[in-house]
Amino acid sequence: MLNTKKTRLRGMTLIEVIIAMVIIILVTIIAYVGVNTSASLLQHGKDLRDSDGAAIGEIESCINQYNPDKADTKDTVEYKVEVREKSTDNNGNPLVTVITEYEQTAVAGVVTGDVNGVRYNIYMPCNAGGGE
């Protein structure tokens, strides 16, 4: 008597295994690119923060050494003063109304700081009073 019962094949075919491997490889590559880009951006941000910190430190040291009586350069700086009133309209939108404005001058000592090839000029007041 012949065995007429059909045998069922179990397991995955070679094509199914290859397709599964390709999908796993693609997901892994996408995840690697994302993590690598994120790490690169974090390092770039850290480098920017570090360079800003050095610039701020250099400027602060220039300011700490500043003496208005012995300033190398003194300039007259003109600036505009506006006195404003903040309010809201009927709909609750903010409004800013200029009540008065005037121009004023003050004598300022110039503090110069060089940070990474960039020159900063900082104007420090020489007198506590108003303009001269």
C-alpha atoms as a PDB file:
ATOM      1  CA  MET A   1       0.000   0.000   0.000  1.00  0.00           C
ATOM      2  CA  LEU A   2       1.343   3.402  -0.942  1.00  0.00           C
ATOM      3  CA  ASN A   3       1.481   6.240   1.475  1.00  0.00           C
ATOM      4  CA  THR A   4      -0.968   8.724   0.042  1.00  0.00           C
ATOM      5  CA  LYS A   5      -0.772  11.116   2.942  1.00  0.00           C
ATOM      6  CA  LYS A   6       0.871  14.422   1.971  1.00  0.00           C
ATOM      7  CA  THR A   7       3.648  15.561   4.214  1.00  0.00           C
ATOM      8  CA  ARG A   8       3.600  19.190   5.297  1.00  0.00           C
ATOM      9  CA  LEU A   9       6.835  21.048   5.115  1.00  0.00           C
ATOM     10  CA  ARG A  10       7.633  22.965   8.244  1.00  0.00           C
ATOM     11  CA  GLY A  11       9.903  26.022   8.700  1.00  0.00           C
ATOM     12  CA  MET A  12      10.795  28.963   6.546  1.00  0.00           C
ATOM     13  CA  THR A  13      11.984  28.914   2.998  1.00  0.00           C
ATOM     14  CA  LEU A  14      15.326  30.373   1.985  1.00  0.00           C
ATOM     15  CA  ILE A  15      13.654  33.400   0.372  1.00  0.00           C
ATOM     16  CA  GLU A  16      11.735  34.202   3.549  1.00  0.00           C
ATOM     17  CA  VAL A  17      14.951  34.041   5.592  1.00  0.00           C
ATOM     18  CA  ILE A  18      16.758  36.338   3.138  1.00  0.00           C
ATOM     19  CA  ILE A  19      13.894  38.883   3.187  1.00  0.00           C
ATOM     20  CA  ALA A  20      13.860  38.846   7.011  1.00  0.00           C
ATOM     21  CA  MET A  21      17.629  39.419   7.114  1.00  0.00           C
ATOM     22  CA  VAL A  22      17.399  42.318   4.642  1.00  0.00           C
ATOM     23  CA  ILE A  23      14.694  43.982   6.757  1.00  0.00           C
ATOM     24  CA  ILE A  24      16.794  43.565   9.932  1.00  0.00           C
ATOM     25  CA  ILE A  25      19.858  45.005   8.180  1.00  0.00           C
ATOM     26  CA  LEU A  26      17.900  48.036   6.886  1.00  0.00           C
ATOM     27  CA  VAL A  27      16.452  48.789  10.343  1.00  0.00           C
ATOM     28  CA  THR A  28      19.930  48.479  11.888  1.00  0.00           C
ATOM     29  CA  ILE A  29      21.456  50.870   9.341  1.00  0.00           C
ATOM     30  CA  ILE A  30      18.705  53.453   9.895  1.00  0.00           C
ATOM     31  CA  ALA A  31      19.143  53.221  13.677  1.00  0.00           C
ATOM     32  CA  TYR A  32      22.943  53.577  13.368  1.00  0.00           C
ATOM     33  CA  VAL A  33      22.655  56.675  11.175  1.00  0.00           C
ATOM     34  CA  GLY A  34      20.225  58.269  13.638  1.00  0.00           C
ATOM     35  CA  VAL A  35      22.391  57.568  16.687  1.00  0.00           C
ATOM     36  CA  ASN A  36      25.560  58.692  14.889  1.00  0.00           C
ATOM     37  CA  THR A  37      23.947  61.970  13.775  1.00  0.00           C
ATOM     38  CA  SER A  38      22.616  62.623  17.265  1.00  0.00           C
ATOM     39  CA  ALA A  39      26.046  62.048  18.830  1.00  0.00           C
ATOM     40  CA  SER A  40      27.648  64.354  16.271  1.00  0.00           C
ATOM     41  CA  LEU A  41      25.148  67.139  16.974  1.00  0.00           C
ATOM     42  CA  LEU A  42      25.654  66.777  20.736  1.00  0.00           C
ATOM     43  CA  GLN A  43      29.439  67.055  20.315  1.00  0.00           C
ATOM     44  CA  HIS A  44      29.089  70.101  18.051  1.00  0.00           C
ATOM     45  CA  GLY A  45      26.818  71.791  20.627  1.00  0.00           C
ATOM     46  CA  LYS A  46      29.335  71.042  23.392  1.00  0.00           C
ATOM     47  CA  ASP A  47      32.136  72.556  21.300  1.00  0.00           C
ATOM     48  CA  LEU A  48      30.062  75.707  20.740  1.00  0.00           C
ATOM     49  CA  ARG A  49      29.297  76.009  24.455  1.00  0.00           C
ATOM     50  CA  ASP A  50      32.972  75.590  25.316  1.00  0.00           C
ATOM     51  CA  SER A  51      34.052  78.278  22.840  1.00  0.00           C
ATOM     52  CA  ASP A  52      31.370  80.657  24.155  1.00  0.00           C
ATOM     53  CA  GLY A  53      32.582  80.047  27.694  1.00  0.00           C
ATOM     54  CA  ALA A  54      36.143  80.971  26.729  1.00  0.00           C
ATOM     55  CA  ALA A  55      34.957  84.164  25.018  1.00  0.00           C
ATOM     56  CA  ILE A  56      32.849  85.163  28.018  1.00  0.00           C
ATOM     57  CA  GLY A  57      35.778  84.501  30.355  1.00  0.00           C
ATOM     58  CA  GLU A  58      38.076  86.690  28.263  1.00  0.00           C
ATOM     59  CA  ILE A  59      35.551  89.519  28.127  1.00  0.00           C
ATOM     60  CA  GLU A  60      34.929  89.294  31.883  1.00  0.00           C
ATOM     61  CA  SER A  61      38.661  89.485  32.559  1.00  0.00           C
ATOM     62  CA  CYS A  62      38.860  92.628  30.393  1.00  0.00           C
ATOM     63  CA  ILE A  63      35.944  94.150  32.297  1.00  0.00           C
ATOM     64  CA  ASN A  64      37.514  93.259  35.671  1.00  0.00           C
ATOM     65  CA  GLN A  65      40.736  95.039  34.658  1.00  0.00           C
ATOM     66  CA  TYR A  66      38.833  98.136  33.554  1.00  0.00           C
ATOM     67  CA  ASN A  67      39.596 101.353  35.392  1.00  0.00           C
ATOM     68  CA  PRO A  68      37.652 104.384  34.072  1.00  0.00           C
ATOM     69  CA  ASP A  69      40.343 106.855  35.155  1.00  0.00           C
ATOM     70  CA  LYS A  70      43.065 105.007  33.224  1.00  0.00           C
ATOM     71  CA  ALA A  71      41.049 103.968  30.174  1.00  0.00           C
ATOM     72  CA  ASP A  72      43.084 104.149  26.987  1.00  0.00           C
ATOM     73  CA  THR A  73      40.171 105.386  24.920  1.00  0.00           C
ATOM     74  CA  LYS A  74      37.124 107.348  25.910  1.00  0.00           C
ATOM     75  CA  ASP A  75      34.239 107.851  23.530  1.00  0.00           C
ATOM     76  CA  THR A  76      31.050 109.816  23.721  1.00  0.00           C
ATOM     77  CA  VAL A  77      28.230 107.393  23.148  1.00  0.00           C
ATOM     78  CA  GLU A  78      24.823 108.613  22.029  1.00  0.00           C
ATOM     79  CA  TYR A  79      21.782 106.576  22.894  1.00  0.00           C
ATOM     80  CA  LYS A  80      18.039 106.971  22.749  1.00  0.00           C
ATOM     81  CA  VAL A  81      15.841 106.677  25.840  1.00  0.00           C
ATOM     82  CA  GLU A  82      12.166 105.771  25.497  1.00  0.00           C
ATOM     83  CA  VAL A  83       9.714 105.696  28.383  1.00  0.00           C
ATOM     84  CA  ARG A  84       6.974 103.220  27.472  1.00  0.00           C
ATOM     85  CA  GLU A  85       3.646 102.258  28.936  1.00  0.00           C
ATOM     86  CA  LYS A  86       2.355  98.724  28.565  1.00  0.00           C
ATOM     87  CA  SER A  87      -1.369  98.145  28.374  1.00  0.00           C
ATOM     88  CA  THR A  88      -3.946  96.037  26.548  1.00  0.00           C
ATOM     89  CA  ASP A  89      -6.730  96.874  24.138  1.00  0.00           C
ATOM     90  CA  ASN A  90     -10.379  95.787  24.466  1.00  0.00           C
ATOM     91  CA  ASN A  91      -9.571  92.339  23.014  1.00  0.00           C
ATOM     92  CA  GLY A  92      -6.708  91.727  25.468  1.00  0.00           C
ATOM     93  CA  ASN A  93      -3.950  92.293  22.902  1.00  0.00           C
ATOM     94  CA  PRO A  94      -0.795  93.916  24.315  1.00  0.00           C
ATOM     95  CA  LEU A  95      -0.166  97.553  23.424  1.00  0.00           C
ATOM     96  CA  VAL A  96       3.021  99.536  23.981  1.00  0.00           C
ATOM     97  CA  THR A  97       2.699 103.312  23.995  1.00  0.00           C
ATOM     98  CA  VAL A  98       5.740 105.578  23.982  1.00  0.00           C
ATOM     99  CA  ILE A  99       5.129 108.283  26.586  1.00  0.00           C
ATOM    100  CA  THR A 100       8.312 110.242  25.990  1.00  0.00           C
ATOM    101  CA  GLU A 101      11.642 109.800  24.279  1.00  0.00           C
ATOM    102  CA  TYR A 102      14.882 111.726  24.240  1.00  0.00           C
ATOM    103  CA  GLU A 103      18.497 111.335  23.187  1.00  0.00           C
ATOM    104  CA  GLN A 104      21.293 111.343  25.684  1.00  0.00           C
ATOM    105  CA  THR A 105      25.084 111.122  25.584  1.00  0.00           C
ATOM    106  CA  ALA A 106      27.499 109.611  28.059  1.00  0.00           C
ATOM    107  CA  VAL A 107      31.265 109.288  28.180  1.00  0.00           C
ATOM    108  CA  ALA A 108      32.286 105.649  28.038  1.00  0.00           C
ATOM    109  CA  GLY A 109      35.645 103.983  28.337  1.00  0.00           C
ATOM    110  CA  VAL A 110      36.336 101.377  25.684  1.00  0.00           C
ATOM    111  CA  VAL A 111      37.438  97.935  26.797  1.00  0.00           C
ATOM    112  CA  THR A 112      38.893  95.874  23.975  1.00  0.00           C
ATOM    113  CA  GLY A 113      39.104  92.098  24.177  1.00  0.00           C
ATOM    114  CA  ASP A 114      40.523  89.708  21.610  1.00  0.00           C
ATOM    115  CA  VAL A 115      38.928  86.256  21.602  1.00  0.00           C
ATOM    116  CA  ASN A 116      39.918  83.711  18.960  1.00  0.00           C
ATOM    117  CA  GLY A 117      40.822  86.415  16.453  1.00  0.00           C
ATOM    118  CA  VAL A 118      37.625  88.387  17.044  1.00  0.00           C
ATOM    119  CA  ARG A 119      37.913  91.814  18.610  1.00  0.00           C
ATOM    120  CA  TYR A 120      35.194  92.972  20.986  1.00  0.00           C
ATOM    121  CA  ASN A 121      34.760  96.608  21.971  1.00  0.00           C
ATOM    122  CA  ILE A 122      32.806  97.005  25.189  1.00  0.00           C
ATOM    123  CA  TYR A 123      31.684 100.467  26.260  1.00  0.00           C
ATOM    124  CA  MET A 124      31.812 100.864  30.037  1.00  0.00           C
ATOM    125  CA  PRO A 125      30.355 103.982  31.686  1.00  0.00           C
ATOM    126  CA  CYS A 126      32.916 106.422  33.064  1.00  0.00           C
ATOM    127  CA  ASN A 127      30.501 108.417  35.167  1.00  0.00           C
ATOM    128  CA  ALA A 128      27.488 107.484  37.220  1.00  0.00           C
ATOM    129  CA  GLY A 129      25.546 110.568  36.150  1.00  0.00           C
ATOM    130  CA  GLY A 130      23.815 111.356  32.885  1.00  0.00           C
ATOM    131  CA  GLY A 131      25.305 112.844  29.759  1.00  0.00           C
ATOM    132  CA  GLU A 132      28.016 115.420  29.503  1.00  0.00           C
END
